[in-house]
Amino acid sequence: MSDFLRTQPAAEAAVLAWPVVCGAKVASRTKAVNFDAGVLQVEVADADWRNHLRTLEHEYIRHLAELIGPVVKRVEFKLEGKN
């Protein structure tokens, strides 16, 4: 999987890698929607999930780096439908 993702443009690789990095339970409640300038934007269902996932941001960044290289500098968790 890592070999495939590393051949993709960074924006696509970061979005595609999200479900692999966060796991099935979190992936079922979130959606990576955009990657730009080192920031992966992930939509979450509610504020409780957003707050919990923020505490895991550094762990996700570390796992993303292992999988696709050090391209994601920050993960921004935002509520679905909010800018």
PDB file of N, CA and C in Angstrom:
ATOM      1  N   MET A   1       0.828  -1.192   0.000  1.00  0.00           N
ATOM      2  CA  MET A   1       0.000   0.000   0.000  1.00  0.00           C
ATOM      3  C   MET A   1       0.868   1.250   0.000  1.00  0.00           C
ATOM      4  N   SER A   2       1.897   1.258   0.817  1.00  0.00           N
ATOM      5  CA  SER A   2       2.775   2.416   0.894  1.00  0.00           C
ATOM      6  C   SER A   2       3.434   2.707  -0.452  1.00  0.00           C
ATOM      7  N   ASP A   3       3.882   1.658  -1.137  1.00  0.00           N
ATOM      8  CA  ASP A   3       4.512   1.857  -2.442  1.00  0.00           C
ATOM      9  C   ASP A   3       3.546   2.522  -3.411  1.00  0.00           C
ATOM     10  N   PHE A   4       2.298   2.049  -3.428  1.00  0.00           N
ATOM     11  CA  PHE A   4       1.288   2.641  -4.305  1.00  0.00           C
ATOM     12  C   PHE A   4       1.042   4.097  -3.937  1.00  0.00           C
ATOM     13  N   LEU A   5       0.825   4.379  -2.654  1.00  0.00           N
ATOM     14  CA  LEU A   5       0.517   5.742  -2.219  1.00  0.00           C
ATOM     15  C   LEU A   5       1.657   6.704  -2.511  1.00  0.00           C
ATOM     16  N   ARG A   6       2.878   6.239  -2.395  1.00  0.00           N
ATOM     17  CA  ARG A   6       4.021   7.117  -2.647  1.00  0.00           C
ATOM     18  C   ARG A   6       4.170   7.478  -4.126  1.00  0.00           C
ATOM     19  N   THR A   7       3.494   6.752  -5.012  1.00  0.00           N
ATOM     20  CA  THR A   7       3.533   7.083  -6.440  1.00  0.00           C
ATOM     21  C   THR A   7       2.446   8.081  -6.824  1.00  0.00           C
ATOM     22  N   GLN A   8       1.545   8.364  -5.902  1.00  0.00           N
ATOM     23  CA  GLN A   8       0.442   9.282  -6.161  1.00  0.00           C
ATOM     24  C   GLN A   8       0.841  10.715  -5.795  1.00  0.00           C
ATOM     25  N   PRO A   9       0.180  11.706  -6.413  1.00  0.00           N
ATOM     26  CA  PRO A   9       0.415  13.087  -5.975  1.00  0.00           C
ATOM     27  C   PRO A   9       0.104  13.213  -4.481  1.00  0.00           C
ATOM     28  N   ALA A  10       0.811  14.071  -3.802  1.00  0.00           N
ATOM     29  CA  ALA A  10       0.679  14.201  -2.339  1.00  0.00           C
ATOM     30  C   ALA A  10      -0.765  14.437  -1.913  1.00  0.00           C
ATOM     31  N   ALA A  11      -1.497  15.269  -2.647  1.00  0.00           N
ATOM     32  CA  ALA A  11      -2.879  15.573  -2.269  1.00  0.00           C
ATOM     33  C   ALA A  11      -3.748  14.323  -2.305  1.00  0.00           C
ATOM     34  N   GLU A  12      -3.570  13.502  -3.303  1.00  0.00           N
ATOM     35  CA  GLU A  12      -4.349  12.272  -3.411  1.00  0.00           C
ATOM     36  C   GLU A  12      -3.887  11.242  -2.386  1.00  0.00           C
ATOM     37  N   ALA A  13      -2.593  11.119  -2.220  1.00  0.00           N
ATOM     38  CA  ALA A  13      -2.047  10.136  -1.290  1.00  0.00           C
ATOM     39  C   ALA A  13      -2.520  10.404   0.138  1.00  0.00           C
ATOM     40  N   ALA A  14      -2.522  11.648   0.554  1.00  0.00           N
ATOM     41  CA  ALA A  14      -2.934  11.985   1.922  1.00  0.00           C
ATOM     42  C   ALA A  14      -4.397  11.624   2.154  1.00  0.00           C
ATOM     43  N   VAL A  15      -5.244  11.949   1.197  1.00  0.00           N
ATOM     44  CA  VAL A  15      -6.671  11.646   1.334  1.00  0.00           C
ATOM     45  C   VAL A  15      -6.903  10.136   1.309  1.00  0.00           C
ATOM     46  N   LEU A  16      -6.245   9.441   0.395  1.00  0.00           N
ATOM     47  CA  LEU A  16      -6.397   7.989   0.297  1.00  0.00           C
ATOM     48  C   LEU A  16      -5.854   7.259   1.523  1.00  0.00           C
ATOM     49  N   ALA A  17      -4.819   7.803   2.129  1.00  0.00           N
ATOM     50  CA  ALA A  17      -4.182   7.147   3.274  1.00  0.00           C
ATOM     51  C   ALA A  17      -4.980   7.292   4.565  1.00  0.00           C
ATOM     52  N   TRP A  18      -5.828   8.288   4.651  1.00  0.00           N
ATOM     53  CA  TRP A  18      -6.542   8.561   5.898  1.00  0.00           C
ATOM     54  C   TRP A  18      -7.236   7.322   6.484  1.00  0.00           C
ATOM     55  N   PRO A  19      -8.076   6.596   5.721  1.00  0.00           N
ATOM     56  CA  PRO A  19      -8.755   5.440   6.319  1.00  0.00           C
ATOM     57  C   PRO A  19      -7.797   4.350   6.792  1.00  0.00           C
ATOM     58  N   VAL A  20      -6.678   4.230   6.132  1.00  0.00           N
ATOM     59  CA  VAL A  20      -5.681   3.232   6.529  1.00  0.00           C
ATOM     60  C   VAL A  20      -5.053   3.638   7.857  1.00  0.00           C
ATOM     61  N   VAL A  21      -4.744   4.898   7.992  1.00  0.00           N
ATOM     62  CA  VAL A  21      -4.055   5.418   9.174  1.00  0.00           C
ATOM     63  C   VAL A  21      -4.972   5.473  10.392  1.00  0.00           C
ATOM     64  N   CYS A  22      -6.217   5.877  10.194  1.00  0.00           N
ATOM     65  CA  CYS A  22      -7.098   6.070  11.353  1.00  0.00           C
ATOM     66  C   CYS A  22      -7.833   4.809  11.775  1.00  0.00           C
ATOM     67  N   GLY A  23      -7.942   3.827  10.901  1.00  0.00           N
ATOM     68  CA  GLY A  23      -8.630   2.590  11.241  1.00  0.00           C
ATOM     69  C   GLY A  23     -10.103   2.617  10.874  1.00  0.00           C
ATOM     70  N   ALA A  24     -10.703   1.437  10.837  1.00  0.00           N
ATOM     71  CA  ALA A  24     -12.073   1.281  10.351  1.00  0.00           C
ATOM     72  C   ALA A  24     -13.108   2.042  11.178  1.00  0.00           C
ATOM     73  N   LYS A  25     -12.988   2.007  12.496  1.00  0.00           N
ATOM     74  CA  LYS A  25     -13.985   2.669  13.345  1.00  0.00           C
ATOM     75  C   LYS A  25     -14.001   4.179  13.104  1.00  0.00           C
ATOM     76  N   VAL A  26     -12.827   4.787  13.123  1.00  0.00           N
ATOM     77  CA  VAL A  26     -12.743   6.240  12.898  1.00  0.00           C
ATOM     78  C   VAL A  26     -13.099   6.572  11.450  1.00  0.00           C
ATOM     79  N   ALA A  27     -12.652   5.751  10.510  1.00  0.00           N
ATOM     80  CA  ALA A  27     -12.948   5.993   9.100  1.00  0.00           C
ATOM     81  C   ALA A  27     -14.447   5.982   8.825  1.00  0.00           C
ATOM     82  N   SER A  28     -15.187   5.186   9.586  1.00  0.00           N
ATOM     83  CA  SER A  28     -16.636   5.132   9.380  1.00  0.00           C
ATOM     84  C   SER A  28     -17.345   6.396   9.856  1.00  0.00           C
ATOM     85  N   ARG A  29     -16.657   7.202  10.665  1.00  0.00           N
ATOM     86  CA  ARG A  29     -17.254   8.432  11.210  1.00  0.00           C
ATOM     87  C   ARG A  29     -16.589   9.702  10.697  1.00  0.00           C
ATOM     88  N   THR A  30     -15.616   9.549   9.802  1.00  0.00           N
ATOM     89  CA  THR A  30     -14.886  10.706   9.290  1.00  0.00           C
ATOM     90  C   THR A  30     -14.689  10.571   7.787  1.00  0.00           C
ATOM     91  N   LYS A  31     -14.241  11.670   7.177  1.00  0.00           N
ATOM     92  CA  LYS A  31     -13.917  11.631   5.748  1.00  0.00           C
ATOM     93  C   LYS A  31     -12.844  12.675   5.455  1.00  0.00           C
ATOM     94  N   ALA A  32     -11.726  12.226   4.905  1.00  0.00           N
ATOM     95  CA  ALA A  32     -10.689  13.156   4.457  1.00  0.00           C
ATOM     96  C   ALA A  32     -11.206  13.811   3.182  1.00  0.00           C
ATOM     97  N   VAL A  33     -11.219  15.140   3.161  1.00  0.00           N
ATOM     98  CA  VAL A  33     -11.842  15.839   2.040  1.00  0.00           C
ATOM     99  C   VAL A  33     -10.878  16.686   1.221  1.00  0.00           C
ATOM    100  N   ASN A  34      -9.729  17.029   1.788  1.00  0.00           N
ATOM    101  CA  ASN A  34      -8.823  17.911   1.052  1.00  0.00           C
ATOM    102  C   ASN A  34      -7.434  17.861   1.680  1.00  0.00           C
ATOM    103  N   PHE A  35      -6.431  18.081   0.846  1.00  0.00           N
ATOM    104  CA  PHE A  35      -5.064  18.237   1.323  1.00  0.00           C
ATOM    105  C   PHE A  35      -4.438  19.382   0.547  1.00  0.00           C
ATOM    106  N   ASP A  36      -3.937  20.371   1.265  1.00  0.00           N
ATOM    107  CA  ASP A  36      -3.319  21.523   0.627  1.00  0.00           C
ATOM    108  C   ASP A  36      -2.314  22.144   1.590  1.00  0.00           C
ATOM    109  N   ALA A  37      -1.155  22.475   1.073  1.00  0.00           N
ATOM    110  CA  ALA A  37      -0.123  23.176   1.836  1.00  0.00           C
ATOM    111  C   ALA A  37       0.196  22.477   3.160  1.00  0.00           C
ATOM    112  N   GLY A  38       0.244  21.144   3.137  1.00  0.00           N
ATOM    113  CA  GLY A  38       0.614  20.390   4.322  1.00  0.00           C
ATOM    114  C   GLY A  38      -0.505  20.123   5.304  1.00  0.00           C
ATOM    115  N   VAL A  39      -1.725  20.566   4.977  1.00  0.00           N
ATOM    116  CA  VAL A  39      -2.859  20.402   5.891  1.00  0.00           C
ATOM    117  C   VAL A  39      -3.872  19.427   5.297  1.00  0.00           C
ATOM    118  N   LEU A  40      -4.131  18.349   6.017  1.00  0.00           N
ATOM    119  CA  LEU A  40      -5.155  17.385   5.640  1.00  0.00           C
ATOM    120  C   LEU A  40      -6.439  17.771   6.362  1.00  0.00           C
ATOM    121  N   GLN A  41      -7.487  18.051   5.603  1.00  0.00           N
ATOM    122  CA  GLN A  41      -8.773  18.397   6.196  1.00  0.00           C
ATOM    123  C   GLN A  41      -9.640  17.146   6.269  1.00  0.00           C
ATOM    124  N   VAL A  42     -10.166  16.904   7.466  1.00  0.00           N
ATOM    125  CA  VAL A  42     -10.989  15.729   7.716  1.00  0.00           C
ATOM    126  C   VAL A  42     -12.315  16.192   8.312  1.00  0.00           C
ATOM    127  N   GLU A  43     -13.413  15.783   7.665  1.00  0.00           N
ATOM    128  CA  GLU A  43     -14.734  16.091   8.196  1.00  0.00           C
ATOM    129  C   GLU A  43     -15.099  15.066   9.250  1.00  0.00           C
ATOM    130  N   VAL A  44     -15.731  15.539  10.320  1.00  0.00           N
ATOM    131  CA  VAL A  44     -16.175  14.667  11.406  1.00  0.00           C
ATOM    132  C   VAL A  44     -17.658  14.906  11.663  1.00  0.00           C
ATOM    133  N   ALA A  45     -18.311  13.916  12.262  1.00  0.00           N
ATOM    134  CA  ALA A  45     -19.757  13.961  12.454  1.00  0.00           C
ATOM    135  C   ALA A  45     -20.203  14.977  13.505  1.00  0.00           C
ATOM    136  N   ASP A  46     -19.431  15.128  14.563  1.00  0.00           N
ATOM    137  CA  ASP A  46     -19.864  16.025  15.631  1.00  0.00           C
ATOM    138  C   ASP A  46     -18.662  16.566  16.415  1.00  0.00           C
ATOM    139  N   ALA A  47     -18.945  17.514  17.287  1.00  0.00           N
ATOM    140  CA  ALA A  47     -17.893  18.192  18.047  1.00  0.00           C
ATOM    141  C   ALA A  47     -17.161  17.248  19.001  1.00  0.00           C
ATOM    142  N   ASP A  48     -17.853  16.272  19.559  1.00  0.00           N
ATOM    143  CA  ASP A  48     -17.193  15.319  20.460  1.00  0.00           C
ATOM    144  C   ASP A  48     -16.111  14.538  19.720  1.00  0.00           C
ATOM    145  N   TRP A  49     -16.456  14.045  18.522  1.00  0.00           N
ATOM    146  CA  TRP A  49     -15.465  13.330  17.720  1.00  0.00           C
ATOM    147  C   TRP A  49     -14.309  14.257  17.352  1.00  0.00           C
ATOM    148  N   ARG A  50     -14.620  15.479  16.953  1.00  0.00           N
ATOM    149  CA  ARG A  50     -13.565  16.436  16.585  1.00  0.00           C
ATOM    150  C   ARG A  50     -12.612  16.646  17.751  1.00  0.00           C
ATOM    151  N   ASN A  51     -13.141  16.860  18.926  1.00  0.00           N
ATOM    152  CA  ASN A  51     -12.298  17.113  20.094  1.00  0.00           C
ATOM    153  C   ASN A  51     -11.430  15.904  20.437  1.00  0.00           C
ATOM    154  N   HIS A  52     -12.013  14.715  20.357  1.00  0.00           N
ATOM    155  CA  HIS A  52     -11.250  13.501  20.639  1.00  0.00           C
ATOM    156  C   HIS A  52     -10.133  13.304  19.609  1.00  0.00           C
ATOM    157  N   LEU A  53     -10.462  13.456  18.337  1.00  0.00           N
ATOM    158  CA  LEU A  53      -9.470  13.225  17.289  1.00  0.00           C
ATOM    159  C   LEU A  53      -8.340  14.248  17.332  1.00  0.00           C
ATOM    160  N   ARG A  54      -8.638  15.449  17.766  1.00  0.00           N
ATOM    161  CA  ARG A  54      -7.577  16.461  17.896  1.00  0.00           C
ATOM    162  C   ARG A  54      -6.482  15.996  18.851  1.00  0.00           C
ATOM    163  N   THR A  55      -6.849  15.229  19.866  1.00  0.00           N
ATOM    164  CA  THR A  55      -5.846  14.757  20.817  1.00  0.00           C
ATOM    165  C   THR A  55      -4.932  13.703  20.186  1.00  0.00           C
ATOM    166  N   LEU A  56      -5.363  13.130  19.067  1.00  0.00           N
ATOM    167  CA  LEU A  56      -4.591  12.090  18.376  1.00  0.00           C
ATOM    168  C   LEU A  56      -3.875  12.611  17.138  1.00  0.00           C
ATOM    169  N   GLU A  57      -3.951  13.910  16.890  1.00  0.00           N
ATOM    170  CA  GLU A  57      -3.408  14.486  15.655  1.00  0.00           C
ATOM    171  C   GLU A  57      -1.942  14.105  15.423  1.00  0.00           C
ATOM    172  N   HIS A  58      -1.104  14.220  16.428  1.00  0.00           N
ATOM    173  CA  HIS A  58       0.324  13.935  16.236  1.00  0.00           C
ATOM    174  C   HIS A  58       0.567  12.462  15.906  1.00  0.00           C
ATOM    175  N   GLU A  59      -0.240  11.594  16.499  1.00  0.00           N
ATOM    176  CA  GLU A  59      -0.127  10.168  16.183  1.00  0.00           C
ATOM    177  C   GLU A  59      -0.514   9.922  14.720  1.00  0.00           C
ATOM    178  N   TYR A  60      -1.585  10.547  14.266  1.00  0.00           N
ATOM    179  CA  TYR A  60      -1.993  10.397  12.865  1.00  0.00           C
ATOM    180  C   TYR A  60      -0.919  10.939  11.916  1.00  0.00           C
ATOM    181  N   ILE A  61      -0.344  12.069  12.244  1.00  0.00           N
ATOM    182  CA  ILE A  61       0.707  12.650  11.400  1.00  0.00           C
ATOM    183  C   ILE A  61       1.904  11.699  11.322  1.00  0.00           C
ATOM    184  N   ARG A  62       2.255  11.109  12.438  1.00  0.00           N
ATOM    185  CA  ARG A  62       3.372  10.159  12.450  1.00  0.00           C
ATOM    186  C   ARG A  62       3.071   8.944  11.572  1.00  0.00           C
ATOM    187  N   HIS A  63       1.870   8.408  11.675  1.00  0.00           N
ATOM    188  CA  HIS A  63       1.494   7.246  10.860  1.00  0.00           C
ATOM    189  C   HIS A  63       1.399   7.610   9.379  1.00  0.00           C
ATOM    190  N   LEU A  64       0.905   8.789   9.090  1.00  0.00           N
ATOM    191  CA  LEU A  64       0.864   9.242   7.690  1.00  0.00           C
ATOM    192  C   LEU A  64       2.274   9.350   7.126  1.00  0.00           C
ATOM    193  N   ALA A  65       3.202   9.881   7.905  1.00  0.00           N
ATOM    194  CA  ALA A  65       4.585  10.011   7.451  1.00  0.00           C
ATOM    195  C   ALA A  65       5.196   8.643   7.162  1.00  0.00           C
ATOM    196  N   GLU A  66       4.890   7.662   8.002  1.00  0.00           N
ATOM    197  CA  GLU A  66       5.401   6.311   7.777  1.00  0.00           C
ATOM    198  C   GLU A  66       4.861   5.728   6.476  1.00  0.00           C
ATOM    199  N   LEU A  67       3.624   6.078   6.145  1.00  0.00           N
ATOM    200  CA  LEU A  67       2.964   5.496   4.992  1.00  0.00           C
ATOM    201  C   LEU A  67       3.254   6.237   3.689  1.00  0.00           C
ATOM    202  N   ILE A  68       3.236   7.573   3.717  1.00  0.00           N
ATOM    203  CA  ILE A  68       3.365   8.348   2.468  1.00  0.00           C
ATOM    204  C   ILE A  68       4.525   9.330   2.460  1.00  0.00           C
ATOM    205  N   GLY A  69       5.265   9.387   3.538  1.00  0.00           N
ATOM    206  CA  GLY A  69       6.346  10.360   3.640  1.00  0.00           C
ATOM    207  C   GLY A  69       5.890  11.564   4.441  1.00  0.00           C
ATOM    208  N   PRO A  70       6.801  12.464   4.763  1.00  0.00           N
ATOM    209  CA  PRO A  70       6.509  13.580   5.663  1.00  0.00           C
ATOM    210  C   PRO A  70       5.831  14.772   4.972  1.00  0.00           C
ATOM    211  N   VAL A  71       4.692  14.540   4.352  1.00  0.00           N
ATOM    212  CA  VAL A  71       4.017  15.626   3.632  1.00  0.00           C
ATOM    213  C   VAL A  71       2.915  16.283   4.449  1.00  0.00           C
ATOM    214  N   VAL A  72       2.297  15.547   5.376  1.00  0.00           N
ATOM    215  CA  VAL A  72       1.217  16.110   6.193  1.00  0.00           C
ATOM    216  C   VAL A  72       1.832  16.738   7.443  1.00  0.00           C
ATOM    217  N   LYS A  73       1.629  18.026   7.584  1.00  0.00           N
ATOM    218  CA  LYS A  73       2.170  18.768   8.732  1.00  0.00           C
ATOM    219  C   LYS A  73       1.119  18.981   9.817  1.00  0.00           C
ATOM    220  N   ARG A  74      -0.163  18.973   9.383  1.00  0.00           N
ATOM    221  CA  ARG A  74      -1.249  19.235  10.325  1.00  0.00           C
ATOM    222  C   ARG A  74      -2.509  18.542   9.815  1.00  0.00           C
ATOM    223  N   VAL A  75      -3.338  18.075  10.736  1.00  0.00           N
ATOM    224  CA  VAL A  75      -4.648  17.522  10.391  1.00  0.00           C
ATOM    225  C   VAL A  75      -5.683  18.469  10.994  1.00  0.00           C
ATOM    226  N   GLU A  76      -6.554  18.971  10.163  1.00  0.00           N
ATOM    227  CA  GLU A  76      -7.599  19.894  10.590  1.00  0.00           C
ATOM    228  C   GLU A  76      -8.926  19.131  10.603  1.00  0.00           C
ATOM    229  N   PHE A  77      -9.512  18.993  11.764  1.00  0.00           N
ATOM    230  CA  PHE A  77     -10.784  18.300  11.915  1.00  0.00           C
ATOM    231  C   PHE A  77     -11.892  19.335  11.910  1.00  0.00           C
ATOM    232  N   LYS A  78     -12.815  19.208  10.963  1.00  0.00           N
ATOM    233  CA  LYS A  78     -13.900  20.181  10.888  1.00  0.00           C
ATOM    234  C   LYS A  78     -15.232  19.454  10.842  1.00  0.00           C
ATOM    235  N   LEU A  79     -16.245  20.122  11.338  1.00  0.00           N
ATOM    236  CA  LEU A  79     -17.589  19.540  11.360  1.00  0.00           C
ATOM    237  C   LEU A  79     -18.134  19.444   9.937  1.00  0.00           C
ATOM    238  N   GLU A  80     -18.826  18.358   9.651  1.00  0.00           N
ATOM    239  CA  GLU A  80     -19.424  18.165   8.327  1.00  0.00           C
ATOM    240  C   GLU A  80     -20.293  19.367   7.980  1.00  0.00           C
ATOM    241  N   GLY A  81     -20.137  19.843   6.769  1.00  0.00           N
ATOM    242  CA  GLY A  81     -20.953  20.954   6.297  1.00  0.00           C
ATOM    243  C   GLY A  81     -20.517  22.319   6.774  1.00  0.00           C
ATOM    244  N   LYS A  82     -19.463  22.397   7.570  1.00  0.00           N
ATOM    245  CA  LYS A  82     -18.951  23.689   8.069  1.00  0.00           C
ATOM    246  C   LYS A  82     -17.658  24.014   7.352  1.00  0.00           C
ATOM    247  N   ASN A  83     -17.392  25.287   7.126  1.00  0.00           N
ATOM    248  CA  ASN A  83     -16.149  25.714   6.485  1.00  0.00           C
ATOM    249  C   ASN A  83     -15.061  25.943   7.483  1.00  0.00           C
TER     250      ASN A  83
END
